[in-house]
Amino acid sequence: MWEEVLNSPQEDREQNFFNAGGDSLLVTRVVLRARKTWGIGLDVQAVLDHPVLKDLAEQIDLLVRSAQTPAKP
């Protein structure tokens, strides 16, 4: 997803989104893509709080898992 938004290969999971050329407008594209792809409630603040690829991936994984876990009655 980052590769497409930033239009460059991302091979380093330690890469910071903003150091790789990302900006606030591109953050919204990441958020919208994640919402569409995984049906999760990712927001802009999550990307701002976790700008490193591996950290954001962990947050996305948490959101995906919580979305897949049935609510307890």
PDB file of N, CA and C in Angstrom:
ATOM      1  N   MET A   1       0.829  -1.184   0.000  1.00  0.00           N
ATOM      2  CA  MET A   1       0.000   0.000   0.000  1.00  0.00           C
ATOM      3  C   MET A   1       0.880   1.257   0.000  1.00  0.00           C
ATOM      4  N   TRP A   2       1.927   1.246   0.845  1.00  0.00           N
ATOM      5  CA  TRP A   2       2.822   2.414   0.883  1.00  0.00           C
ATOM      6  C   TRP A   2       3.504   2.620  -0.454  1.00  0.00           C
ATOM      7  N   GLU A   3       3.912   1.524  -1.075  1.00  0.00           N
ATOM      8  CA  GLU A   3       4.600   1.633  -2.367  1.00  0.00           C
ATOM      9  C   GLU A   3       3.735   2.368  -3.372  1.00  0.00           C
ATOM     10  N   GLU A   4       2.476   2.015  -3.403  1.00  0.00           N
ATOM     11  CA  GLU A   4       1.571   2.643  -4.366  1.00  0.00           C
ATOM     12  C   GLU A   4       1.312   4.106  -4.033  1.00  0.00           C
ATOM     13  N   VAL A   5       1.077   4.399  -2.774  1.00  0.00           N
ATOM     14  CA  VAL A   5       0.792   5.777  -2.366  1.00  0.00           C
ATOM     15  C   VAL A   5       2.012   6.675  -2.551  1.00  0.00           C
ATOM     16  N   LEU A   6       3.186   6.159  -2.170  1.00  0.00           N
ATOM     17  CA  LEU A   6       4.412   6.960  -2.271  1.00  0.00           C
ATOM     18  C   LEU A   6       5.076   6.859  -3.642  1.00  0.00           C
ATOM     19  N   ASN A   7       4.587   5.932  -4.460  1.00  0.00           N
ATOM     20  CA  ASN A   7       5.127   5.724  -5.806  1.00  0.00           C
ATOM     21  C   ASN A   7       6.624   5.399  -5.775  1.00  0.00           C
ATOM     22  N   SER A   8       6.998   4.572  -4.796  1.00  0.00           N
ATOM     23  CA  SER A   8       8.385   4.106  -4.697  1.00  0.00           C
ATOM     24  C   SER A   8       8.406   2.816  -3.888  1.00  0.00           C
ATOM     25  N   PRO A   9       9.369   1.939  -4.186  1.00  0.00           N
ATOM     26  CA  PRO A   9       9.435   0.677  -3.441  1.00  0.00           C
ATOM     27  C   PRO A   9       9.780   0.892  -1.975  1.00  0.00           C
ATOM     28  N   GLN A  10       9.112   0.150  -1.109  1.00  0.00           N
ATOM     29  CA  GLN A  10       9.367   0.218   0.329  1.00  0.00           C
ATOM     30  C   GLN A  10       9.856  -1.139   0.787  1.00  0.00           C
ATOM     31  N   GLU A  11      11.140  -1.281   0.898  1.00  0.00           N
ATOM     32  CA  GLU A  11      11.713  -2.555   1.303  1.00  0.00           C
ATOM     33  C   GLU A  11      12.096  -2.571   2.774  1.00  0.00           C
ATOM     34  N   ASP A  12      12.115  -1.410   3.401  1.00  0.00           N
ATOM     35  CA  ASP A  12      12.548  -1.286   4.786  1.00  0.00           C
ATOM     36  C   ASP A  12      11.341  -1.068   5.688  1.00  0.00           C
ATOM     37  N   ARG A  13      11.030  -2.057   6.513  1.00  0.00           N
ATOM     38  CA  ARG A  13       9.881  -1.944   7.415  1.00  0.00           C
ATOM     39  C   ARG A  13      10.101  -0.899   8.501  1.00  0.00           C
ATOM     40  N   GLU A  14      11.336  -0.392   8.631  1.00  0.00           N
ATOM     41  CA  GLU A  14      11.655   0.644   9.610  1.00  0.00           C
ATOM     42  C   GLU A  14      11.525   2.046   9.003  1.00  0.00           C
ATOM     43  N   GLN A  15      11.137   2.108   7.736  1.00  0.00           N
ATOM     44  CA  GLN A  15      11.040   3.390   7.034  1.00  0.00           C
ATOM     45  C   GLN A  15       9.889   4.231   7.594  1.00  0.00           C
ATOM     46  N   ASN A  16      10.183   5.496   7.817  1.00  0.00           N
ATOM     47  CA  ASN A  16       9.180   6.451   8.274  1.00  0.00           C
ATOM     48  C   ASN A  16       8.436   6.991   7.051  1.00  0.00           C
ATOM     49  N   PHE A  17       7.120   6.983   7.120  1.00  0.00           N
ATOM     50  CA  PHE A  17       6.277   7.425   6.014  1.00  0.00           C
ATOM     51  C   PHE A  17       6.647   8.828   5.545  1.00  0.00           C
ATOM     52  N   PHE A  18       6.869   9.733   6.463  1.00  0.00           N
ATOM     53  CA  PHE A  18       7.138  11.125   6.109  1.00  0.00           C
ATOM     54  C   PHE A  18       8.560  11.307   5.572  1.00  0.00           C
ATOM     55  N   ASN A  19       9.511  10.559   6.082  1.00  0.00           N
ATOM     56  CA  ASN A  19      10.874  10.607   5.553  1.00  0.00           C
ATOM     57  C   ASN A  19      10.958  10.008   4.161  1.00  0.00           C
ATOM     58  N   ALA A  20      10.003   9.141   3.831  1.00  0.00           N
ATOM     59  CA  ALA A  20       9.968   8.497   2.518  1.00  0.00           C
ATOM     60  C   ALA A  20       9.236   9.347   1.484  1.00  0.00           C
ATOM     61  N   GLY A  21       8.811  10.548   1.874  1.00  0.00           N
ATOM     62  CA  GLY A  21       8.137  11.441   0.934  1.00  0.00           C
ATOM     63  C   GLY A  21       6.654  11.609   1.174  1.00  0.00           C
ATOM     64  N   GLY A  22       6.132  10.973   2.224  1.00  0.00           N
ATOM     65  CA  GLY A  22       4.710  11.103   2.535  1.00  0.00           C
ATOM     66  C   GLY A  22       4.380  12.469   3.117  1.00  0.00           C
ATOM     67  N   ASP A  23       3.129  12.859   2.974  1.00  0.00           N
ATOM     68  CA  ASP A  23       2.646  14.106   3.561  1.00  0.00           C
ATOM     69  C   ASP A  23       1.207  13.894   4.023  1.00  0.00           C
ATOM     70  N   SER A  24       0.599  14.941   4.550  1.00  0.00           N
ATOM     71  CA  SER A  24      -0.737  14.794   5.128  1.00  0.00           C
ATOM     72  C   SER A  24      -1.779  14.368   4.096  1.00  0.00           C
ATOM     73  N   LEU A  25      -1.633  14.805   2.868  1.00  0.00           N
ATOM     74  CA  LEU A  25      -2.587  14.397   1.830  1.00  0.00           C
ATOM     75  C   LEU A  25      -2.435  12.912   1.507  1.00  0.00           C
ATOM     76  N   LEU A  26      -1.199  12.444   1.479  1.00  0.00           N
ATOM     77  CA  LEU A  26      -0.979  11.024   1.199  1.00  0.00           C
ATOM     78  C   LEU A  26      -1.407  10.147   2.369  1.00  0.00           C
ATOM     79  N   VAL A  27      -1.371  10.686   3.587  1.00  0.00           N
ATOM     80  CA  VAL A  27      -1.878   9.936   4.745  1.00  0.00           C
ATOM     81  C   VAL A  27      -3.342   9.590   4.525  1.00  0.00           C
ATOM     82  N   THR A  28      -4.112  10.525   4.013  1.00  0.00           N
ATOM     83  CA  THR A  28      -5.534  10.245   3.784  1.00  0.00           C
ATOM     84  C   THR A  28      -5.714   9.132   2.758  1.00  0.00           C
ATOM     85  N   ARG A  29      -4.834   9.056   1.781  1.00  0.00           N
ATOM     86  CA  ARG A  29      -4.923   7.967   0.800  1.00  0.00           C
ATOM     87  C   ARG A  29      -4.627   6.618   1.453  1.00  0.00           C
ATOM     88  N   VAL A  30      -3.638   6.597   2.357  1.00  0.00           N
ATOM     89  CA  VAL A  30      -3.327   5.360   3.085  1.00  0.00           C
ATOM     90  C   VAL A  30      -4.535   4.928   3.909  1.00  0.00           C
ATOM     91  N   VAL A  31      -5.128   5.878   4.620  1.00  0.00           N
ATOM     92  CA  VAL A  31      -6.282   5.580   5.474  1.00  0.00           C
ATOM     93  C   VAL A  31      -7.441   5.047   4.642  1.00  0.00           C
ATOM     94  N   LEU A  32      -7.757   5.721   3.559  1.00  0.00           N
ATOM     95  CA  LEU A  32      -8.873   5.281   2.719  1.00  0.00           C
ATOM     96  C   LEU A  32      -8.607   3.913   2.108  1.00  0.00           C
ATOM     97  N   ARG A  33      -7.380   3.662   1.696  1.00  0.00           N
ATOM     98  CA  ARG A  33      -7.037   2.364   1.122  1.00  0.00           C
ATOM     99  C   ARG A  33      -7.181   1.260   2.158  1.00  0.00           C
ATOM    100  N   ALA A  34      -6.708   1.508   3.380  1.00  0.00           N
ATOM    101  CA  ALA A  34      -6.815   0.496   4.444  1.00  0.00           C
ATOM    102  C   ALA A  34      -8.279   0.233   4.784  1.00  0.00           C
ATOM    103  N   ARG A  35      -9.068   1.277   4.865  1.00  0.00           N
ATOM    104  CA  ARG A  35     -10.495   1.092   5.153  1.00  0.00           C
ATOM    105  C   ARG A  35     -11.170   0.251   4.089  1.00  0.00           C
ATOM    106  N   LYS A  36     -10.858   0.550   2.831  1.00  0.00           N
ATOM    107  CA  LYS A  36     -11.481  -0.179   1.727  1.00  0.00           C
ATOM    108  C   LYS A  36     -10.977  -1.619   1.659  1.00  0.00           C
ATOM    109  N   THR A  37      -9.686  -1.816   1.841  1.00  0.00           N
ATOM    110  CA  THR A  37      -9.085  -3.137   1.706  1.00  0.00           C
ATOM    111  C   THR A  37      -9.491  -4.074   2.829  1.00  0.00           C
ATOM    112  N   TRP A  38      -9.431  -3.581   4.070  1.00  0.00           N
ATOM    113  CA  TRP A  38      -9.661  -4.448   5.226  1.00  0.00           C
ATOM    114  C   TRP A  38     -10.951  -4.161   5.982  1.00  0.00           C
ATOM    115  N   GLY A  39     -11.683  -3.118   5.590  1.00  0.00           N
ATOM    116  CA  GLY A  39     -12.935  -2.808   6.270  1.00  0.00           C
ATOM    117  C   GLY A  39     -12.738  -2.437   7.734  1.00  0.00           C
ATOM    118  N   ILE A  40     -11.680  -1.684   7.999  1.00  0.00           N
ATOM    119  CA  ILE A  40     -11.352  -1.322   9.384  1.00  0.00           C
ATOM    120  C   ILE A  40     -11.506   0.173   9.601  1.00  0.00           C
ATOM    121  N   GLY A  41     -11.535   0.572  10.851  1.00  0.00           N
ATOM    122  CA  GLY A  41     -11.700   1.979  11.211  1.00  0.00           C
ATOM    123  C   GLY A  41     -10.394   2.713  11.424  1.00  0.00           C
ATOM    124  N   LEU A  42      -9.420   2.503  10.533  1.00  0.00           N
ATOM    125  CA  LEU A  42      -8.155   3.229  10.636  1.00  0.00           C
ATOM    126  C   LEU A  42      -8.427   4.711  10.419  1.00  0.00           C
ATOM    127  N   ASP A  43      -7.754   5.547  11.209  1.00  0.00           N
ATOM    128  CA  ASP A  43      -7.923   6.982  11.031  1.00  0.00           C
ATOM    129  C   ASP A  43      -6.573   7.659  10.827  1.00  0.00           C
ATOM    130  N   VAL A  44      -6.621   8.919  10.446  1.00  0.00           N
ATOM    131  CA  VAL A  44      -5.413   9.692  10.173  1.00  0.00           C
ATOM    132  C   VAL A  44      -4.503   9.729  11.388  1.00  0.00           C
ATOM    133  N   GLN A  45      -5.074   9.882  12.559  1.00  0.00           N
ATOM    134  CA  GLN A  45      -4.266   9.967  13.776  1.00  0.00           C
ATOM    135  C   GLN A  45      -3.430   8.709  13.990  1.00  0.00           C
ATOM    136  N   ALA A  46      -3.958   7.558  13.623  1.00  0.00           N
ATOM    137  CA  ALA A  46      -3.200   6.310  13.769  1.00  0.00           C
ATOM    138  C   ALA A  46      -1.939   6.341  12.916  1.00  0.00           C
ATOM    139  N   VAL A  47      -2.038   6.877  11.718  1.00  0.00           N
ATOM    140  CA  VAL A  47      -0.859   6.974  10.851  1.00  0.00           C
ATOM    141  C   VAL A  47       0.116   7.998  11.414  1.00  0.00           C
ATOM    142  N   LEU A  48      -0.394   9.105  11.917  1.00  0.00           N
ATOM    143  CA  LEU A  48       0.478  10.122  12.512  1.00  0.00           C
ATOM    144  C   LEU A  48       1.173   9.583  13.761  1.00  0.00           C
ATOM    145  N   ASP A  49       0.466   8.769  14.535  1.00  0.00           N
ATOM    146  CA  ASP A  49       1.039   8.184  15.748  1.00  0.00           C
ATOM    147  C   ASP A  49       2.003   7.038  15.453  1.00  0.00           C
ATOM    148  N   HIS A  50       1.837   6.388  14.302  1.00  0.00           N
ATOM    149  CA  HIS A  50       2.645   5.218  13.933  1.00  0.00           C
ATOM    150  C   HIS A  50       3.162   5.381  12.501  1.00  0.00           C
ATOM    151  N   PRO A  51       4.050   6.346  12.258  1.00  0.00           N
ATOM    152  CA  PRO A  51       4.495   6.608  10.888  1.00  0.00           C
ATOM    153  C   PRO A  51       5.499   5.598  10.334  1.00  0.00           C
ATOM    154  N   VAL A  52       6.028   4.725  11.190  1.00  0.00           N
ATOM    155  CA  VAL A  52       6.965   3.705  10.721  1.00  0.00           C
ATOM    156  C   VAL A  52       6.150   2.512  10.218  1.00  0.00           C
ATOM    157  N   LEU A  53       6.513   2.001   9.045  1.00  0.00           N
ATOM    158  CA  LEU A  53       5.734   0.960   8.384  1.00  0.00           C
ATOM    159  C   LEU A  53       5.408  -0.217   9.292  1.00  0.00           C
ATOM    160  N   LYS A  54       6.394  -0.767   9.997  1.00  0.00           N
ATOM    161  CA  LYS A  54       6.121  -1.953  10.824  1.00  0.00           C
ATOM    162  C   LYS A  54       5.174  -1.614  11.970  1.00  0.00           C
ATOM    163  N   ASP A  55       5.267  -0.417  12.527  1.00  0.00           N
ATOM    164  CA  ASP A  55       4.382  -0.016  13.617  1.00  0.00           C
ATOM    165  C   ASP A  55       2.946   0.164  13.125  1.00  0.00           C
ATOM    166  N   LEU A  56       2.807   0.772  11.971  1.00  0.00           N
ATOM    167  CA  LEU A  56       1.466   0.938  11.409  1.00  0.00           C
ATOM    168  C   LEU A  56       0.875  -0.416  11.030  1.00  0.00           C
ATOM    169  N   ALA A  57       1.709  -1.312  10.502  1.00  0.00           N
ATOM    170  CA  ALA A  57       1.237  -2.656  10.153  1.00  0.00           C
ATOM    171  C   ALA A  57       0.709  -3.376  11.391  1.00  0.00           C
ATOM    172  N   GLU A  58       1.379  -3.203  12.518  1.00  0.00           N
ATOM    173  CA  GLU A  58       0.909  -3.814  13.766  1.00  0.00           C
ATOM    174  C   GLU A  58      -0.450  -3.245  14.169  1.00  0.00           C
ATOM    175  N   GLN A  59      -0.627  -1.939  14.025  1.00  0.00           N
ATOM    176  CA  GLN A  59      -1.912  -1.318  14.353  1.00  0.00           C
ATOM    177  C   GLN A  59      -3.020  -1.826  13.428  1.00  0.00           C
ATOM    178  N   ILE A  60      -2.700  -1.948  12.147  1.00  0.00           N
ATOM    179  CA  ILE A  60      -3.680  -2.465  11.189  1.00  0.00           C
ATOM    180  C   ILE A  60      -4.040  -3.906  11.539  1.00  0.00           C
ATOM    181  N   ASP A  61      -3.041  -4.716  11.882  1.00  0.00           N
ATOM    182  CA  ASP A  61      -3.312  -6.105  12.289  1.00  0.00           C
ATOM    183  C   ASP A  61      -4.255  -6.155  13.486  1.00  0.00           C
ATOM    184  N   LEU A  62      -4.031  -5.298  14.470  1.00  0.00           N
ATOM    185  CA  LEU A  62      -4.914  -5.257  15.651  1.00  0.00           C
ATOM    186  C   LEU A  62      -6.342  -4.909  15.255  1.00  0.00           C
ATOM    187  N   LEU A  63      -6.483  -3.923  14.382  1.00  0.00           N
ATOM    188  CA  LEU A  63      -7.822  -3.521  13.943  1.00  0.00           C
ATOM    189  C   LEU A  63      -8.512  -4.624  13.148  1.00  0.00           C
ATOM    190  N   VAL A  64      -7.756  -5.300  12.296  1.00  0.00           N
ATOM    191  CA  VAL A  64      -8.332  -6.396  11.496  1.00  0.00           C
ATOM    192  C   VAL A  64      -8.778  -7.519  12.418  1.00  0.00           C
ATOM    193  N   ARG A  65      -7.927  -7.888  13.371  1.00  0.00           N
ATOM    194  CA  ARG A  65      -8.298  -8.967  14.295  1.00  0.00           C
ATOM    195  C   ARG A  65      -9.511  -8.610  15.146  1.00  0.00           C
ATOM    196  N   SER A  66      -9.575  -7.369  15.610  1.00  0.00           N
ATOM    197  CA  SER A  66     -10.720  -6.977  16.432  1.00  0.00           C
ATOM    198  C   SER A  66     -12.002  -6.912  15.607  1.00  0.00           C
ATOM    199  N   ALA A  67     -11.875  -6.587  14.336  1.00  0.00           N
ATOM    200  CA  ALA A  67     -13.054  -6.551  13.452  1.00  0.00           C
ATOM    201  C   ALA A  67     -13.555  -7.958  13.155  1.00  0.00           C
ATOM    202  N   GLN A  68     -12.653  -8.936  13.211  1.00  0.00           N
ATOM    203  CA  GLN A  68     -13.023 -10.314  12.911  1.00  0.00           C
ATOM    204  C   GLN A  68     -13.505 -11.077  14.136  1.00  0.00           C
ATOM    205  N   THR A  69     -13.239 -10.540  15.328  1.00  0.00           N
ATOM    206  CA  THR A  69     -13.635 -11.214  16.558  1.00  0.00           C
ATOM    207  C   THR A  69     -15.095 -10.887  16.845  1.00  0.00           C
ATOM    208  N   PRO A  70     -15.930 -11.914  16.968  1.00  0.00           N
ATOM    209  CA  PRO A  70     -17.343 -11.666  17.264  1.00  0.00           C
ATOM    210  C   PRO A  70     -17.515 -11.000  18.646  1.00  0.00           C
ATOM    211  N   ALA A  71     -18.457 -10.105  18.708  1.00  0.00           N
ATOM    212  CA  ALA A  71     -18.729  -9.438  19.981  1.00  0.00           C
ATOM    213  C   ALA A  71     -19.336 -10.444  20.953  1.00  0.00           C
ATOM    214  N   LYS A  72     -18.946 -10.320  22.216  1.00  0.00           N
ATOM    215  CA  LYS A  72     -19.494 -11.206  23.245  1.00  0.00           C
ATOM    216  C   LYS A  72     -20.853 -10.671  23.688  1.00  0.00           C
ATOM    217  N   PRO A  73     -21.823 -11.563  23.871  1.00  0.00           N
ATOM    218  CA  PRO A  73     -23.177 -11.110  24.283  1.00  0.00           C
ATOM    219  C   PRO A  73     -23.193 -10.608  25.711  1.00  0.00           C
TER     220      PRO A  73
END
